[in-house]
Structures are given as structure tokens and as C-alpha cells.
Amino acid sequence: MMKPTITIVYCPKCGWMLRAAYFAQELLGTFVDDIYGVTLVPSEISGRFAVSVQEQVIFDRKTMGQFPETKELKQLVRDLVNPAKSLGHSDNNEKAR
């Protein structure tokens, strides 16, 4: 089975390339064995920042009204690429309750 690719679409005019690169670094480090890679795509649409796994959008800044927190983004990716994976300190505390 082919490992999924994560795509981060960001608005370069908004100066969001470094934020996109930071999220890519975090995801590559956490999911090194679970994903094929992370692709950064500069958007032609102003204000766009969205993250998708294979073609499924898992986070959209305009819909959510904010940027994702790193912990939140890792949980969203984990739920799709390897639901059994523990994220350690980034895991939801709800699982322990």
C-alpha cells in the first residue's frame, strides 16, 4: 500500500511559507514511517492555508477561523494515517479519562 502524501497549501503573499515549512517539519518528524512526504504548495488564492492528506482536506484556516495548533494538526493526521500511533505528550488527554 502506498504511503499517503500530505499537502500544505499556503498564501505566500501573507508570509505563511515559514509556518507551512514548520508544520511540514513537525509532520515529517512525527510520521517518518507513516507518510510518503509533505508537499508545500503556494496558493494563488489570498489568505489560503489548508492541509490535506491525499485529496482529503483535514484543516482549512478559513473554515476554522484560525491556524491549527501543532498538536491538533498531528492528531488530525494521525487519525487518518495511523490511528493506533501514540503521539506521546501531543496526544489528547481525553483518551486517558
PDB file of N, CA and C in Angstrom:
ATOM      1  N   MET A   1       0.837  -1.190   0.000  1.00  0.00           N
ATOM      2  CA  MET A   1       0.000   0.000   0.000  1.00  0.00           C
ATOM      3  C   MET A   1       0.881   1.253   0.000  1.00  0.00           C
ATOM      4  N   MET A   2       0.514   2.201  -0.816  1.00  0.00           N
ATOM      5  CA  MET A   2       1.267   3.438  -0.940  1.00  0.00           C
ATOM      6  C   MET A   2       1.050   4.327   0.285  1.00  0.00           C
ATOM      7  N   LYS A   3       2.117   4.885   0.814  1.00  0.00           N
ATOM      8  CA  LYS A   3       2.002   5.798   1.949  1.00  0.00           C
ATOM      9  C   LYS A   3       1.396   7.113   1.467  1.00  0.00           C
ATOM     10  N   PRO A   4       0.561   7.755   2.303  1.00  0.00           N
ATOM     11  CA  PRO A   4      -0.086   8.995   1.889  1.00  0.00           C
ATOM     12  C   PRO A   4       0.862  10.190   1.857  1.00  0.00           C
ATOM     13  N   THR A   5       0.533  11.132   1.002  1.00  0.00           N
ATOM     14  CA  THR A   5       1.253  12.401   0.929  1.00  0.00           C
ATOM     15  C   THR A   5       0.390  13.481   1.561  1.00  0.00           C
ATOM     16  N   ILE A   6       1.006  14.310   2.372  1.00  0.00           N
ATOM     17  CA  ILE A   6       0.319  15.442   2.987  1.00  0.00           C
ATOM     18  C   ILE A   6       0.645  16.676   2.160  1.00  0.00           C
ATOM     19  N   THR A   7      -0.362  17.483   1.877  1.00  0.00           N
ATOM     20  CA  THR A   7      -0.170  18.711   1.121  1.00  0.00           C
ATOM     21  C   THR A   7      -0.567  19.900   1.982  1.00  0.00           C
ATOM     22  N   ILE A   8       0.311  20.883   2.044  1.00  0.00           N
ATOM     23  CA  ILE A   8       0.012  22.124   2.755  1.00  0.00           C
ATOM     24  C   ILE A   8      -0.008  23.245   1.720  1.00  0.00           C
ATOM     25  N   VAL A   9      -1.184  23.833   1.546  1.00  0.00           N
ATOM     26  CA  VAL A   9      -1.358  24.948   0.620  1.00  0.00           C
ATOM     27  C   VAL A   9      -1.356  26.220   1.463  1.00  0.00           C
ATOM     28  N   TYR A  10      -0.504  27.165   1.081  1.00  0.00           N
ATOM     29  CA  TYR A  10      -0.356  28.386   1.883  1.00  0.00           C
ATOM     30  C   TYR A  10      -0.316  29.622   0.992  1.00  0.00           C
ATOM     31  N   CYS A  11      -0.628  30.769   1.575  1.00  0.00           N
ATOM     32  CA  CYS A  11      -0.598  32.037   0.846  1.00  0.00           C
ATOM     33  C   CYS A  11       0.784  32.674   0.990  1.00  0.00           C
ATOM     34  N   PRO A  12       1.569  32.713  -0.090  1.00  0.00           N
ATOM     35  CA  PRO A  12       2.898  33.323   0.010  1.00  0.00           C
ATOM     36  C   PRO A  12       2.836  34.834   0.228  1.00  0.00           C
ATOM     37  N   LYS A  13       1.792  35.478  -0.296  1.00  0.00           N
ATOM     38  CA  LYS A  13       1.656  36.934  -0.141  1.00  0.00           C
ATOM     39  C   LYS A  13       1.394  37.313   1.310  1.00  0.00           C
ATOM     40  N   CYS A  14       0.844  36.364   2.084  1.00  0.00           N
ATOM     41  CA  CYS A  14       0.562  36.600   3.500  1.00  0.00           C
ATOM     42  C   CYS A  14       1.782  36.314   4.371  1.00  0.00           C
ATOM     43  N   GLY A  15       2.847  35.784   3.767  1.00  0.00           N
ATOM     44  CA  GLY A  15       4.053  35.461   4.518  1.00  0.00           C
ATOM     45  C   GLY A  15       3.938  34.174   5.307  1.00  0.00           C
ATOM     46  N   TRP A  16       3.165  33.220   4.815  1.00  0.00           N
ATOM     47  CA  TRP A  16       2.899  31.996   5.558  1.00  0.00           C
ATOM     48  C   TRP A  16       3.776  30.816   5.151  1.00  0.00           C
ATOM     49  N   MET A  17       4.794  31.052   4.327  1.00  0.00           N
ATOM     50  CA  MET A  17       5.661  29.957   3.900  1.00  0.00           C
ATOM     51  C   MET A  17       6.407  29.342   5.094  1.00  0.00           C
ATOM     52  N   LEU A  18       6.933  30.168   5.990  1.00  0.00           N
ATOM     53  CA  LEU A  18       7.663  29.627   7.139  1.00  0.00           C
ATOM     54  C   LEU A  18       6.765  28.814   8.051  1.00  0.00           C
ATOM     55  N   ARG A  19       5.523  29.247   8.211  1.00  0.00           N
ATOM     56  CA  ARG A  19       4.561  28.492   9.025  1.00  0.00           C
ATOM     57  C   ARG A  19       4.298  27.134   8.364  1.00  0.00           C
ATOM     58  N   ALA A  20       4.108  27.135   7.047  1.00  0.00           N
ATOM     59  CA  ALA A  20       3.874  25.894   6.311  1.00  0.00           C
ATOM     60  C   ALA A  20       5.084  24.971   6.432  1.00  0.00           C
ATOM     61  N   ALA A  21       6.287  25.536   6.327  1.00  0.00           N
ATOM     62  CA  ALA A  21       7.512  24.740   6.428  1.00  0.00           C
ATOM     63  C   ALA A  21       7.674  24.174   7.838  1.00  0.00           C
ATOM     64  N   TYR A  22       7.305  24.944   8.843  1.00  0.00           N
ATOM     65  CA  TYR A  22       7.379  24.459  10.222  1.00  0.00           C
ATOM     66  C   TYR A  22       6.450  23.261  10.418  1.00  0.00           C
ATOM     67  N   PHE A  23       5.199  23.396   9.937  1.00  0.00           N
ATOM     68  CA  PHE A  23       4.258  22.276  10.059  1.00  0.00           C
ATOM     69  C   PHE A  23       4.773  21.058   9.294  1.00  0.00           C
ATOM     70  N   ALA A  24       5.355  21.275   8.121  1.00  0.00           N
ATOM     71  CA  ALA A  24       5.910  20.165   7.334  1.00  0.00           C
ATOM     72  C   ALA A  24       7.001  19.456   8.133  1.00  0.00           C
ATOM     73  N   GLN A  25       7.875  20.217   8.758  1.00  0.00           N
ATOM     74  CA  GLN A  25       8.956  19.655   9.567  1.00  0.00           C
ATOM     75  C   GLN A  25       8.400  18.831  10.723  1.00  0.00           C
ATOM     76  N   GLU A  26       7.407  19.355  11.407  1.00  0.00           N
ATOM     77  CA  GLU A  26       6.793  18.644  12.531  1.00  0.00           C
ATOM     78  C   GLU A  26       6.148  17.331  12.077  1.00  0.00           C
ATOM     79  N   LEU A  27       5.434  17.388  10.953  1.00  0.00           N
ATOM     80  CA  LEU A  27       4.749  16.189  10.454  1.00  0.00           C
ATOM     81  C   LEU A  27       5.740  15.149   9.952  1.00  0.00           C
ATOM     82  N   LEU A  28       6.783  15.600   9.262  1.00  0.00           N
ATOM     83  CA  LEU A  28       7.800  14.664   8.770  1.00  0.00           C
ATOM     84  C   LEU A  28       8.522  13.981   9.929  1.00  0.00           C
ATOM     85  N   GLY A  29       8.785  14.711  10.986  1.00  0.00           N
ATOM     86  CA  GLY A  29       9.453  14.144  12.149  1.00  0.00           C
ATOM     87  C   GLY A  29       8.581  13.156  12.901  1.00  0.00           C
ATOM     88  N   THR A  30       7.304  13.469  13.021  1.00  0.00           N
ATOM     89  CA  THR A  30       6.386  12.622  13.781  1.00  0.00           C
ATOM     90  C   THR A  30       5.951  11.388  13.000  1.00  0.00           C
ATOM     91  N   PHE A  31       5.728  11.551  11.698  1.00  0.00           N
ATOM     92  CA  PHE A  31       5.158  10.467  10.889  1.00  0.00           C
ATOM     93  C   PHE A  31       6.154   9.909   9.872  1.00  0.00           C
ATOM     94  N   VAL A  32       7.436   9.881  10.254  1.00  0.00           N
ATOM     95  CA  VAL A  32       8.503   9.464   9.347  1.00  0.00           C
ATOM     96  C   VAL A  32       8.252   8.084   8.714  1.00  0.00           C
ATOM     97  N   ASP A  33       7.640   7.170   9.459  1.00  0.00           N
ATOM     98  CA  ASP A  33       7.386   5.829   8.923  1.00  0.00           C
ATOM     99  C   ASP A  33       5.994   5.673   8.313  1.00  0.00           C
ATOM    100  N   ASP A  34       5.158   6.695   8.455  1.00  0.00           N
ATOM    101  CA  ASP A  34       3.746   6.574   8.073  1.00  0.00           C
ATOM    102  C   ASP A  34       3.364   7.313   6.800  1.00  0.00           C
ATOM    103  N   ILE A  35       4.189   8.280   6.376  1.00  0.00           N
ATOM    104  CA  ILE A  35       3.817   9.090   5.206  1.00  0.00           C
ATOM    105  C   ILE A  35       4.919   9.056   4.153  1.00  0.00           C
ATOM    106  N   TYR A  36       4.515   9.323   2.928  1.00  0.00           N
ATOM    107  CA  TYR A  36       5.459   9.391   1.818  1.00  0.00           C
ATOM    108  C   TYR A  36       6.246  10.695   1.872  1.00  0.00           C
ATOM    109  N   GLY A  37       5.532  11.792   2.214  1.00  0.00           N
ATOM    110  CA  GLY A  37       6.176  13.096   2.283  1.00  0.00           C
ATOM    111  C   GLY A  37       5.161  14.195   2.496  1.00  0.00           C
ATOM    112  N   VAL A  38       5.685  15.416   2.562  1.00  0.00           N
ATOM    113  CA  VAL A  38       4.845  16.602   2.701  1.00  0.00           C
ATOM    114  C   VAL A  38       5.177  17.537   1.551  1.00  0.00           C
ATOM    115  N   THR A  39       4.153  17.980   0.858  1.00  0.00           N
ATOM    116  CA  THR A  39       4.327  18.891  -0.265  1.00  0.00           C
ATOM    117  C   THR A  39       3.827  20.275   0.127  1.00  0.00           C
ATOM    118  N   LEU A  40       4.636  21.306  -0.123  1.00  0.00           N
ATOM    119  CA  LEU A  40       4.221  22.688   0.124  1.00  0.00           C
ATOM    120  C   LEU A  40       3.815  23.305  -1.206  1.00  0.00           C
ATOM    121  N   VAL A  41       2.621  23.887  -1.226  1.00  0.00           N
ATOM    122  CA  VAL A  41       2.080  24.446  -2.465  1.00  0.00           C
ATOM    123  C   VAL A  41       1.680  25.900  -2.246  1.00  0.00           C
ATOM    124  N   PRO A  42       2.377  26.858  -2.909  1.00  0.00           N
ATOM    125  CA  PRO A  42       1.961  28.252  -2.786  1.00  0.00           C
ATOM    126  C   PRO A  42       0.620  28.452  -3.491  1.00  0.00           C
ATOM    127  N   SER A  43      -0.304  29.097  -2.798  1.00  0.00           N
ATOM    128  CA  SER A  43      -1.642  29.292  -3.334  1.00  0.00           C
ATOM    129  C   SER A  43      -1.736  30.587  -4.133  1.00  0.00           C
ATOM    130  N   GLU A  44      -2.556  30.559  -5.153  1.00  0.00           N
ATOM    131  CA  GLU A  44      -2.835  31.777  -5.902  1.00  0.00           C
ATOM    132  C   GLU A  44      -4.005  32.523  -5.280  1.00  0.00           C
ATOM    133  N   ILE A  45      -4.680  31.875  -4.321  1.00  0.00           N
ATOM    134  CA  ILE A  45      -5.814  32.486  -3.625  1.00  0.00           C
ATOM    135  C   ILE A  45      -5.300  33.122  -2.338  1.00  0.00           C
ATOM    136  N   SER A  46      -5.512  34.419  -2.181  1.00  0.00           N
ATOM    137  CA  SER A  46      -5.047  35.128  -0.990  1.00  0.00           C
ATOM    138  C   SER A  46      -5.699  34.584   0.269  1.00  0.00           C
ATOM    139  N   GLY A  47      -4.914  34.480   1.323  1.00  0.00           N
ATOM    140  CA  GLY A  47      -5.437  34.066   2.613  1.00  0.00           C
ATOM    141  C   GLY A  47      -5.633  32.570   2.776  1.00  0.00           C
ATOM    142  N   ARG A  48      -5.211  31.794   1.809  1.00  0.00           N
ATOM    143  CA  ARG A  48      -5.446  30.339   1.856  1.00  0.00           C
ATOM    144  C   ARG A  48      -4.377  29.647   2.694  1.00  0.00           C
ATOM    145  N   PHE A  49      -4.823  28.778   3.580  1.00  0.00           N
ATOM    146  CA  PHE A  49      -3.937  27.886   4.326  1.00  0.00           C
ATOM    147  C   PHE A  49      -4.739  26.641   4.625  1.00  0.00           C
ATOM    148  N   ALA A  50      -4.407  25.560   3.954  1.00  0.00           N
ATOM    149  CA  ALA A  50      -5.161  24.322   4.108  1.00  0.00           C
ATOM    150  C   ALA A  50      -4.210  23.130   4.102  1.00  0.00           C
ATOM    151  N   VAL A  51      -4.587  22.107   4.844  1.00  0.00           N
ATOM    152  CA  VAL A  51      -3.790  20.886   4.932  1.00  0.00           C
ATOM    153  C   VAL A  51      -4.669  19.723   4.491  1.00  0.00           C
ATOM    154  N   SER A  52      -4.121  18.880   3.611  1.00  0.00           N
ATOM    155  CA  SER A  52      -4.884  17.708   3.176  1.00  0.00           C
ATOM    156  C   SER A  52      -3.992  16.466   3.202  1.00  0.00           C
ATOM    157  N   VAL A  53      -4.658  15.343   3.381  1.00  0.00           N
ATOM    158  CA  VAL A  53      -3.996  14.040   3.312  1.00  0.00           C
ATOM    159  C   VAL A  53      -4.622  13.326   2.127  1.00  0.00           C
ATOM    160  N   GLN A  54      -3.794  13.045   1.136  1.00  0.00           N
ATOM    161  CA  GLN A  54      -4.230  12.515  -0.153  1.00  0.00           C
ATOM    162  C   GLN A  54      -5.214  13.539  -0.738  1.00  0.00           C
ATOM    163  N   GLU A  55      -6.238  13.635  -1.017  1.00  0.00           N
ATOM    164  CA  GLU A  55      -7.027  14.766  -1.501  1.00  0.00           C
ATOM    165  C   GLU A  55      -8.037  15.240  -0.448  1.00  0.00           C
ATOM    166  N   GLN A  56      -7.998  14.658   0.734  1.00  0.00           N
ATOM    167  CA  GLN A  56      -8.979  14.975   1.777  1.00  0.00           C
ATOM    168  C   GLN A  56      -8.484  16.128   2.652  1.00  0.00           C
ATOM    169  N   VAL A  57      -9.212  17.247   2.592  1.00  0.00           N
ATOM    170  CA  VAL A  57      -8.841  18.402   3.410  1.00  0.00           C
ATOM    171  C   VAL A  57      -9.149  18.095   4.874  1.00  0.00           C
ATOM    172  N   ILE A  58      -8.123  18.213   5.714  1.00  0.00           N
ATOM    173  CA  ILE A  58      -8.317  17.947   7.139  1.00  0.00           C
ATOM    174  C   ILE A  58      -8.295  19.232   7.965  1.00  0.00           C
ATOM    175  N   PHE A  59      -7.781  20.321   7.375  1.00  0.00           N
ATOM    176  CA  PHE A  59      -7.798  21.604   8.073  1.00  0.00           C
ATOM    177  C   PHE A  59      -7.808  22.726   7.054  1.00  0.00           C
ATOM    178  N   ASP A  60      -8.710  23.679   7.235  1.00  0.00           N
ATOM    179  CA  ASP A  60      -8.792  24.855   6.373  1.00  0.00           C
ATOM    180  C   ASP A  60      -8.917  26.079   7.270  1.00  0.00           C
ATOM    181  N   ARG A  61      -7.963  26.992   7.163  1.00  0.00           N
ATOM    182  CA  ARG A  61      -7.936  28.171   8.023  1.00  0.00           C
ATOM    183  C   ARG A  61      -9.205  29.003   7.903  1.00  0.00           C
ATOM    184  N   LYS A  62      -9.719  29.160   6.700  1.00  0.00           N
ATOM    185  CA  LYS A  62     -10.926  29.991   6.524  1.00  0.00           C
ATOM    186  C   LYS A  62     -12.140  29.357   7.194  1.00  0.00           C
ATOM    187  N   THR A  63     -12.281  28.038   7.076  1.00  0.00           N
ATOM    188  CA  THR A  63     -13.395  27.333   7.702  1.00  0.00           C
ATOM    189  C   THR A  63     -13.281  27.367   9.219  1.00  0.00           C
ATOM    190  N   MET A  64     -12.061  27.141   9.727  1.00  0.00           N
ATOM    191  CA  MET A  64     -11.840  27.048  11.170  1.00  0.00           C
ATOM    192  C   MET A  64     -11.666  28.416  11.831  1.00  0.00           C
ATOM    193  N   GLY A  65     -11.349  29.438  11.036  1.00  0.00           N
ATOM    194  CA  GLY A  65     -11.184  30.781  11.590  1.00  0.00           C
ATOM    195  C   GLY A  65      -9.861  30.998  12.302  1.00  0.00           C
ATOM    196  N   GLN A  66      -8.934  30.076  12.142  1.00  0.00           N
ATOM    197  CA  GLN A  66      -7.620  30.187  12.788  1.00  0.00           C
ATOM    198  C   GLN A  66      -6.662  29.193  12.147  1.00  0.00           C
ATOM    199  N   PHE A  67      -5.399  29.282  12.543  1.00  0.00           N
ATOM    200  CA  PHE A  67      -4.425  28.277  12.138  1.00  0.00           C
ATOM    201  C   PHE A  67      -4.530  27.098  13.093  1.00  0.00           C
ATOM    202  N   PRO A  68      -4.113  25.918  12.646  1.00  0.00           N
ATOM    203  CA  PRO A  68      -4.145  24.771  13.565  1.00  0.00           C
ATOM    204  C   PRO A  68      -3.027  24.891  14.597  1.00  0.00           C
ATOM    205  N   GLU A  69      -3.240  24.313  15.747  1.00  0.00           N
ATOM    206  CA  GLU A  69      -2.149  24.157  16.697  1.00  0.00           C
ATOM    207  C   GLU A  69      -1.381  22.923  16.240  1.00  0.00           C
ATOM    208  N   THR A  70      -0.104  22.861  16.510  1.00  0.00           N
ATOM    209  CA  THR A  70       0.710  21.728  16.079  1.00  0.00           C
ATOM    210  C   THR A  70       0.129  20.418  16.597  1.00  0.00           C
ATOM    211  N   LYS A  71      -0.237  20.401  17.863  1.00  0.00           N
ATOM    212  CA  LYS A  71      -0.815  19.210  18.495  1.00  0.00           C
ATOM    213  C   LYS A  71      -2.082  18.763  17.764  1.00  0.00           C
ATOM    214  N   GLU A  72      -2.941  19.727  17.458  1.00  0.00           N
ATOM    215  CA  GLU A  72      -4.204  19.444  16.771  1.00  0.00           C
ATOM    216  C   GLU A  72      -3.948  18.867  15.378  1.00  0.00           C
ATOM    217  N   LEU A  73      -3.010  19.470  14.659  1.00  0.00           N
ATOM    218  CA  LEU A  73      -2.702  19.014  13.303  1.00  0.00           C
ATOM    219  C   LEU A  73      -2.150  17.585  13.329  1.00  0.00           C
ATOM    220  N   LYS A  74      -1.275  17.296  14.283  1.00  0.00           N
ATOM    221  CA  LYS A  74      -0.722  15.946  14.395  1.00  0.00           C
ATOM    222  C   LYS A  74      -1.824  14.931  14.694  1.00  0.00           C
ATOM    223  N   GLN A  75      -2.773  15.307  15.528  1.00  0.00           N
ATOM    224  CA  GLN A  75      -3.879  14.396  15.845  1.00  0.00           C
ATOM    225  C   GLN A  75      -4.737  14.128  14.614  1.00  0.00           C
ATOM    226  N   LEU A  76      -5.013  15.168  13.828  1.00  0.00           N
ATOM    227  CA  LEU A  76      -5.817  15.007  12.611  1.00  0.00           C
ATOM    228  C   LEU A  76      -5.121  14.095  11.607  1.00  0.00           C
ATOM    229  N   VAL A  77      -3.820  14.290  11.439  1.00  0.00           N
ATOM    230  CA  VAL A  77      -3.054  13.453  10.511  1.00  0.00           C
ATOM    231  C   VAL A  77      -3.001  12.021  11.031  1.00  0.00           C
ATOM    232  N   ARG A  78      -2.705  11.854  12.306  1.00  0.00           N
ATOM    233  CA  ARG A  78      -2.614  10.527  12.910  1.00  0.00           C
ATOM    234  C   ARG A  78      -3.898   9.732  12.717  1.00  0.00           C
ATOM    235  N   ASP A  79      -5.041  10.402  12.913  1.00  0.00           N
ATOM    236  CA  ASP A  79      -6.324   9.713  12.804  1.00  0.00           C
ATOM    237  C   ASP A  79      -6.547   9.116  11.413  1.00  0.00           C
ATOM    238  N   LEU A  80      -5.884   9.677  10.407  1.00  0.00           N
ATOM    239  CA  LEU A  80      -6.019   9.151   9.046  1.00  0.00           C
ATOM    240  C   LEU A  80      -4.906   8.184   8.653  1.00  0.00           C
ATOM    241  N   VAL A  81      -3.675   8.485   9.031  1.00  0.00           N
ATOM    242  CA  VAL A  81      -2.552   7.695   8.522  1.00  0.00           C
ATOM    243  C   VAL A  81      -2.147   6.529   9.414  1.00  0.00           C
ATOM    244  N   ASN A  82      -2.376   6.644  10.730  1.00  0.00           N
ATOM    245  CA  ASN A  82      -2.009   5.569  11.647  1.00  0.00           C
ATOM    246  C   ASN A  82      -2.756   5.766  12.968  1.00  0.00           C
ATOM    247  N   PRO A  83      -4.055   5.423  12.998  1.00  0.00           N
ATOM    248  CA  PRO A  83      -4.880   5.671  14.186  1.00  0.00           C
ATOM    249  C   PRO A  83      -4.354   5.033  15.471  1.00  0.00           C
ATOM    250  N   ALA A  84      -3.558   3.989  15.367  1.00  0.00           N
ATOM    251  CA  ALA A  84      -3.046   3.317  16.563  1.00  0.00           C
ATOM    252  C   ALA A  84      -1.796   3.998  17.129  1.00  0.00           C
ATOM    253  N   LYS A  85      -1.237   4.947  16.396  1.00  0.00           N
ATOM    254  CA  LYS A  85       0.017   5.598  16.801  1.00  0.00           C
ATOM    255  C   LYS A  85      -0.192   6.500  18.019  1.00  0.00           C
ATOM    256  N   SER A  86       0.693   6.354  18.997  1.00  0.00           N
ATOM    257  CA  SER A  86       0.679   7.241  20.154  1.00  0.00           C
ATOM    258  C   SER A  86       1.478   8.491  19.807  1.00  0.00           C
ATOM    259  N   LEU A  87       0.947   9.631  20.187  1.00  0.00           N
ATOM    260  CA  LEU A  87       1.661  10.885  19.951  1.00  0.00           C
ATOM    261  C   LEU A  87       2.336  11.390  21.226  1.00  0.00           C
ATOM    262  N   GLY A  88       2.393  10.557  22.222  1.00  0.00           N
ATOM    263  CA  GLY A  88       3.050  10.936  23.465  1.00  0.00           C
ATOM    264  C   GLY A  88       2.406  12.148  24.096  1.00  0.00           C
ATOM    265  N   HIS A  89       3.200  13.164  24.386  1.00  0.00           N
ATOM    266  CA  HIS A  89       2.675  14.360  25.055  1.00  0.00           C
ATOM    267  C   HIS A  89       1.707  15.159  24.178  1.00  0.00           C
ATOM    268  N   SER A  90       1.716  14.910  22.869  1.00  0.00           N
ATOM    269  CA  SER A  90       0.788  15.618  21.979  1.00  0.00           C
ATOM    270  C   SER A  90      -0.569  14.964  21.885  1.00  0.00           C
ATOM    271  N   ASP A  91      -0.712  13.797  22.544  1.00  0.00           N
ATOM    272  CA  ASP A  91      -1.988  13.091  22.475  1.00  0.00           C
ATOM    273  C   ASP A  91      -3.064  13.793  23.283  1.00  0.00           C
ATOM    274  N   ASN A  92      -4.295  13.559  22.866  1.00  0.00           N
ATOM    275  CA  ASN A  92      -5.443  14.107  23.576  1.00  0.00           C
ATOM    276  C   ASN A  92      -5.507  13.527  24.978  1.00  0.00           C
ATOM    277  N   ASN A  93      -5.760  14.356  25.973  1.00  0.00           N
ATOM    278  CA  ASN A  93      -5.911  13.866  27.334  1.00  0.00           C
ATOM    279  C   ASN A  93      -7.217  13.108  27.485  1.00  0.00           C
ATOM    280  N   GLU A  94      -8.148  13.283  26.544  1.00  0.00           N
ATOM    281  CA  GLU A  94      -9.455  12.622  26.619  1.00  0.00           C
ATOM    282  C   GLU A  94      -9.302  11.109  26.599  1.00  0.00           C
ATOM    283  N   LYS A  95      -8.277  10.589  25.941  1.00  0.00           N
ATOM    284  CA  LYS A  95      -8.085   9.145  25.877  1.00  0.00           C
ATOM    285  C   LYS A  95      -7.773   8.560  27.248  1.00  0.00           C
ATOM    286  N   ALA A  96      -7.170   9.347  28.117  1.00  0.00           N
ATOM    287  CA  ALA A  96      -6.784   8.862  29.436  1.00  0.00           C
ATOM    288  C   ALA A  96      -7.959   8.891  30.423  1.00  0.00           C
ATOM    289  N   ARG A  97      -9.001   9.601  30.084  1.00  0.00           N
ATOM    290  CA  ARG A  97     -10.131   9.757  31.007  1.00  0.00           C
ATOM    291  C   ARG A  97     -11.004   8.553  31.060  1.00  0.00           C
TER     292      ARG A  97
END
